[in-house]
Amino acid sequence: MHPLLHPSFIDFCAYFNGNQDYFECHEVLEDYWKTIAPKEKEHPLTGYIQLATGLYHWRRNNFRGASKMLRRAYEKFIANRNHPFFDYIDFQRLCNDCLKALDAIEKNKPFKAFPIQVANPVLEEKINEKIKSLPPVSPQFLLHKHMLRNRIDIQK
């Protein structure tokens, strides 16, 4: 199985492109990264995690944090351009969208979501199916998810 067809990457893309739950994007992809490339901080998955984190910060008007995360994501993408984790992704558009977002952030412009453009029909279909199953979430919850989520499992 191609690594982009892994359920965790599909979930990541569904949260990213579907309801823009960037906090959840981080959660599901971090688990995948720890499974396949633990401690490899330059792995493309860390770039995707930083991309989601940067957009989460931007949505919350944390321009400094957003800029820092998106710049790191972009650098990891460029450094890994031929990695299989970009096989089914429109790599050039992903990089261009990162640069456009960085420019907007540096100008303190309001948050604007963008999708990860998928270039493989099988992956695209799996992502779209997952998007259909996502529960509705309020914009307020997405904005403050790190404070509102259930932390019982961590407190044990």
C-alpha atoms as a PDB file:
ATOM      1  CA  MET A   1       0.000   0.000   0.000  1.00  0.00           C
ATOM      2  CA  HIS A   2       1.244   3.458  -0.862  1.00  0.00           C
ATOM      3  CA  PRO A   3       1.919   5.476   2.328  1.00  0.00           C
ATOM      4  CA  LEU A   4      -0.517   8.208   1.245  1.00  0.00           C
ATOM      5  CA  LEU A   5      -3.338   5.644   1.188  1.00  0.00           C
ATOM      6  CA  HIS A   6      -2.842   4.926   4.886  1.00  0.00           C
ATOM      7  CA  PRO A   7      -6.024   5.700   6.875  1.00  0.00           C
ATOM      8  CA  SER A   8      -4.208   8.329   8.965  1.00  0.00           C
ATOM      9  CA  PHE A   9      -3.139  10.314   5.913  1.00  0.00           C
ATOM     10  CA  ILE A  10      -6.634  10.037   4.482  1.00  0.00           C
ATOM     11  CA  ASP A  11      -8.029  11.317   7.791  1.00  0.00           C
ATOM     12  CA  PHE A  12      -5.516  14.176   7.761  1.00  0.00           C
ATOM     13  CA  CYS A  13      -6.588  15.239   4.265  1.00  0.00           C
ATOM     14  CA  ALA A  14     -10.271  14.887   5.121  1.00  0.00           C
ATOM     15  CA  TYR A  15      -9.932  17.133   8.176  1.00  0.00           C
ATOM     16  CA  PHE A  16      -7.750  19.559   6.221  1.00  0.00           C
ATOM     17  CA  ASN A  17      -9.915  19.797   3.097  1.00  0.00           C
ATOM     18  CA  GLY A  18     -13.281  19.003   4.687  1.00  0.00           C
ATOM     19  CA  ASN A  19     -14.013  20.902   7.874  1.00  0.00           C
ATOM     20  CA  GLN A  20     -10.582  22.550   8.238  1.00  0.00           C
ATOM     21  CA  ASP A  21     -10.062  20.971  11.661  1.00  0.00           C
ATOM     22  CA  TYR A  22      -6.340  21.675  11.707  1.00  0.00           C
ATOM     23  CA  PHE A  23      -5.972  20.635  15.324  1.00  0.00           C
ATOM     24  CA  GLU A  24      -7.273  17.166  14.472  1.00  0.00           C
ATOM     25  CA  CYS A  25      -4.998  17.099  11.404  1.00  0.00           C
ATOM     26  CA  HIS A  26      -2.055  17.478  13.743  1.00  0.00           C
ATOM     27  CA  GLU A  27      -3.298  14.739  16.070  1.00  0.00           C
ATOM     28  CA  VAL A  28      -3.865  12.051  13.432  1.00  0.00           C
ATOM     29  CA  LEU A  29      -0.708  12.741  11.468  1.00  0.00           C
ATOM     30  CA  GLU A  30       1.524  12.906  14.512  1.00  0.00           C
ATOM     31  CA  ASP A  31       0.475   9.376  15.444  1.00  0.00           C
ATOM     32  CA  TYR A  32       1.224   8.165  11.895  1.00  0.00           C
ATOM     33  CA  TRP A  33       4.613   9.910  11.870  1.00  0.00           C
ATOM     34  CA  LYS A  34       5.567   8.366  15.226  1.00  0.00           C
ATOM     35  CA  THR A  35       4.702   4.946  13.814  1.00  0.00           C
ATOM     36  CA  ILE A  36       6.688   5.115  10.573  1.00  0.00           C
ATOM     37  CA  ALA A  37       9.455   7.671  11.146  1.00  0.00           C
ATOM     38  CA  PRO A  38       9.867   8.386  14.860  1.00  0.00           C
ATOM     39  CA  LYS A  39      12.393  11.112  15.634  1.00  0.00           C
ATOM     40  CA  GLU A  40      12.921  11.914  11.923  1.00  0.00           C
ATOM     41  CA  LYS A  41      12.166  15.610  12.287  1.00  0.00           C
ATOM     42  CA  GLU A  42      12.861  16.346   8.624  1.00  0.00           C
ATOM     43  CA  HIS A  43      10.329  13.769   7.390  1.00  0.00           C
ATOM     44  CA  PRO A  44       7.613  15.149   5.072  1.00  0.00           C
ATOM     45  CA  LEU A  45       4.931  14.185   7.596  1.00  0.00           C
ATOM     46  CA  THR A  46       6.377  16.737  10.009  1.00  0.00           C
ATOM     47  CA  GLY A  47       5.947  19.309   7.244  1.00  0.00           C
ATOM     48  CA  TYR A  48       2.277  18.401   6.875  1.00  0.00           C
ATOM     49  CA  ILE A  49       1.877  18.609  10.664  1.00  0.00           C
ATOM     50  CA  GLN A  50       3.500  22.045  10.671  1.00  0.00           C
ATOM     51  CA  LEU A  51       1.267  23.133   7.800  1.00  0.00           C
ATOM     52  CA  ALA A  52      -1.846  22.282   9.806  1.00  0.00           C
ATOM     53  CA  THR A  53      -0.402  23.874  12.941  1.00  0.00           C
ATOM     54  CA  GLY A  54       0.420  27.040  11.035  1.00  0.00           C
ATOM     55  CA  LEU A  55      -3.115  27.339   9.699  1.00  0.00           C
ATOM     56  CA  TYR A  56      -4.513  26.707  13.187  1.00  0.00           C
ATOM     57  CA  HIS A  57      -2.375  29.573  14.516  1.00  0.00           C
ATOM     58  CA  TRP A  58      -3.334  31.857  11.632  1.00  0.00           C
ATOM     59  CA  ARG A  59      -7.038  31.235  12.194  1.00  0.00           C
ATOM     60  CA  ARG A  60      -6.466  32.305  15.824  1.00  0.00           C
ATOM     61  CA  ASN A  61      -4.613  35.482  14.674  1.00  0.00           C
ATOM     62  CA  ASN A  62      -1.303  34.218  16.035  1.00  0.00           C
ATOM     63  CA  PHE A  63       0.596  35.599  13.073  1.00  0.00           C
ATOM     64  CA  ARG A  64       4.047  34.970  14.542  1.00  0.00           C
ATOM     65  CA  GLY A  65       3.332  31.299  15.298  1.00  0.00           C
ATOM     66  CA  ALA A  66       1.616  30.841  11.940  1.00  0.00           C
ATOM     67  CA  SER A  67       4.543  32.304  10.026  1.00  0.00           C
ATOM     68  CA  LYS A  68       7.062  30.185  11.902  1.00  0.00           C
ATOM     69  CA  MET A  69       5.147  26.927  11.315  1.00  0.00           C
ATOM     70  CA  LEU A  70       4.321  27.571   7.651  1.00  0.00           C
ATOM     71  CA  ARG A  71       7.908  28.549   6.874  1.00  0.00           C
ATOM     72  CA  ARG A  72       9.153  25.305   8.449  1.00  0.00           C
ATOM     73  CA  ALA A  73       6.537  23.297   6.557  1.00  0.00           C
ATOM     74  CA  TYR A  74       7.531  24.895   3.255  1.00  0.00           C
ATOM     75  CA  GLU A  75      11.224  24.219   3.903  1.00  0.00           C
ATOM     76  CA  LYS A  76      10.510  20.549   4.654  1.00  0.00           C
ATOM     77  CA  PHE A  77       8.404  20.241   1.529  1.00  0.00           C
ATOM     78  CA  ILE A  78      11.168  21.689  -0.662  1.00  0.00           C
ATOM     79  CA  ALA A  79      13.853  19.537   0.968  1.00  0.00           C
ATOM     80  CA  ASN A  80      11.779  16.387   0.373  1.00  0.00           C
ATOM     81  CA  ARG A  81      10.228  17.190  -3.010  1.00  0.00           C
ATOM     82  CA  ASN A  82      10.904  13.703  -4.442  1.00  0.00           C
ATOM     83  CA  HIS A  83       9.659  11.801  -1.401  1.00  0.00           C
ATOM     84  CA  PRO A  84       6.767   9.315  -1.864  1.00  0.00           C
ATOM     85  CA  PHE A  85       4.700  11.450   0.526  1.00  0.00           C
ATOM     86  CA  PHE A  86       4.199  13.868  -2.355  1.00  0.00           C
ATOM     87  CA  ASP A  87       3.478  11.290  -5.087  1.00  0.00           C
ATOM     88  CA  TYR A  88      -0.287  11.850  -5.088  1.00  0.00           C
ATOM     89  CA  ILE A  89      -0.251  15.547  -4.164  1.00  0.00           C
ATOM     90  CA  ASP A  90       0.006  18.560  -6.476  1.00  0.00           C
ATOM     91  CA  PHE A  91       3.386  19.476  -5.000  1.00  0.00           C
ATOM     92  CA  GLN A  92       3.815  22.767  -6.848  1.00  0.00           C
ATOM     93  CA  ARG A  93       0.392  24.004  -5.788  1.00  0.00           C
ATOM     94  CA  LEU A  94       1.031  22.957  -2.183  1.00  0.00           C
ATOM     95  CA  CYS A  95       4.250  24.975  -2.143  1.00  0.00           C
ATOM     96  CA  ASN A  96       2.621  27.950  -3.872  1.00  0.00           C
ATOM     97  CA  ASP A  97      -0.273  27.901  -1.400  1.00  0.00           C
ATOM     98  CA  CYS A  98       2.219  27.891   1.479  1.00  0.00           C
ATOM     99  CA  LEU A  99       4.014  30.903   0.019  1.00  0.00           C
ATOM    100  CA  LYS A 100       0.744  32.781  -0.588  1.00  0.00           C
ATOM    101  CA  ALA A 101      -0.338  32.075   2.989  1.00  0.00           C
ATOM    102  CA  LEU A 102       3.036  33.252   4.321  1.00  0.00           C
ATOM    103  CA  ASP A 103       2.716  36.465   2.344  1.00  0.00           C
ATOM    104  CA  ALA A 104      -0.799  37.061   3.684  1.00  0.00           C
ATOM    105  CA  ILE A 105       0.320  36.325   7.248  1.00  0.00           C
ATOM    106  CA  GLU A 106       3.253  38.717   6.995  1.00  0.00           C
ATOM    107  CA  LYS A 107       0.777  41.395   5.896  1.00  0.00           C
ATOM    108  CA  ASN A 108      -1.530  40.523   8.847  1.00  0.00           C
ATOM    109  CA  LYS A 109      -4.330  39.566   6.494  1.00  0.00           C
ATOM    110  CA  PRO A 110      -7.241  37.510   7.826  1.00  0.00           C
ATOM    111  CA  PHE A 111      -7.166  33.730   7.756  1.00  0.00           C
ATOM    112  CA  LYS A 112      -7.980  32.079   4.454  1.00  0.00           C
ATOM    113  CA  ALA A 113      -8.137  28.298   4.153  1.00  0.00           C
ATOM    114  CA  PHE A 114      -6.802  26.433   1.145  1.00  0.00           C
ATOM    115  CA  PRO A 115      -7.133  22.746   0.235  1.00  0.00           C
ATOM    116  CA  ILE A 116      -4.402  20.235  -0.371  1.00  0.00           C
ATOM    117  CA  GLN A 117      -4.860  19.432  -4.036  1.00  0.00           C
ATOM    118  CA  VAL A 118      -4.847  15.670  -4.550  1.00  0.00           C
ATOM    119  CA  ALA A 119      -3.543  14.346  -7.876  1.00  0.00           C
ATOM    120  CA  ASN A 120      -4.645  10.721  -7.567  1.00  0.00           C
ATOM    121  CA  PRO A 121      -8.252   9.578  -8.122  1.00  0.00           C
ATOM    122  CA  VAL A 122      -8.074   6.705  -5.616  1.00  0.00           C
ATOM    123  CA  LEU A 123      -6.780   8.941  -2.818  1.00  0.00           C
ATOM    124  CA  GLU A 124      -9.231  11.680  -3.754  1.00  0.00           C
ATOM    125  CA  GLU A 125     -12.178   9.260  -3.580  1.00  0.00           C
ATOM    126  CA  LYS A 126     -11.093   7.935  -0.178  1.00  0.00           C
ATOM    127  CA  ILE A 127     -10.712  11.483   1.171  1.00  0.00           C
ATOM    128  CA  ASN A 128     -14.119  12.533  -0.165  1.00  0.00           C
ATOM    129  CA  GLU A 129     -15.760   9.490   1.436  1.00  0.00           C
ATOM    130  CA  LYS A 130     -14.163  10.335   4.761  1.00  0.00           C
ATOM    131  CA  ILE A 131     -15.251  13.984   4.467  1.00  0.00           C
ATOM    132  CA  LYS A 132     -18.873  12.819   4.132  1.00  0.00           C
ATOM    133  CA  SER A 133     -18.593  11.051   7.490  1.00  0.00           C
ATOM    134  CA  LEU A 134     -17.158  13.991   9.446  1.00  0.00           C
ATOM    135  CA  PRO A 135     -19.477  15.372  12.086  1.00  0.00           C
ATOM    136  CA  PRO A 136     -20.368  19.053  11.876  1.00  0.00           C
ATOM    137  CA  VAL A 137     -18.289  21.290  14.132  1.00  0.00           C
ATOM    138  CA  SER A 138     -18.838  24.911  15.030  1.00  0.00           C
ATOM    139  CA  PRO A 139     -16.330  27.562  13.944  1.00  0.00           C
ATOM    140  CA  GLN A 140     -15.952  28.531  17.606  1.00  0.00           C
ATOM    141  CA  PHE A 141     -14.940  24.988  18.527  1.00  0.00           C
ATOM    142  CA  LEU A 142     -12.385  24.888  15.690  1.00  0.00           C
ATOM    143  CA  LEU A 143     -10.968  28.220  16.812  1.00  0.00           C
ATOM    144  CA  HIS A 144     -10.406  27.124  20.418  1.00  0.00           C
ATOM    145  CA  LYS A 145     -10.159  23.349  20.108  1.00  0.00           C
ATOM    146  CA  HIS A 146      -6.930  23.088  22.072  1.00  0.00           C
ATOM    147  CA  MET A 147      -8.796  24.502  25.104  1.00  0.00           C
ATOM    148  CA  LEU A 148     -12.177  22.826  24.579  1.00  0.00           C
ATOM    149  CA  ARG A 149     -11.245  19.239  23.795  1.00  0.00           C
ATOM    150  CA  ASN A 150     -11.750  16.378  26.205  1.00  0.00           C
ATOM    151  CA  ARG A 151      -8.486  15.853  28.113  1.00  0.00           C
ATOM    152  CA  ILE A 152      -9.611  12.971  30.380  1.00  0.00           C
ATOM    153  CA  ASP A 153      -7.321  10.446  28.685  1.00  0.00           C
ATOM    154  CA  ILE A 154      -4.283  12.671  29.341  1.00  0.00           C
ATOM    155  CA  GLN A 155      -5.179  13.320  32.977  1.00  0.00           C
ATOM    156  CA  LYS A 156      -5.174   9.633  33.913  1.00  0.00           C
END
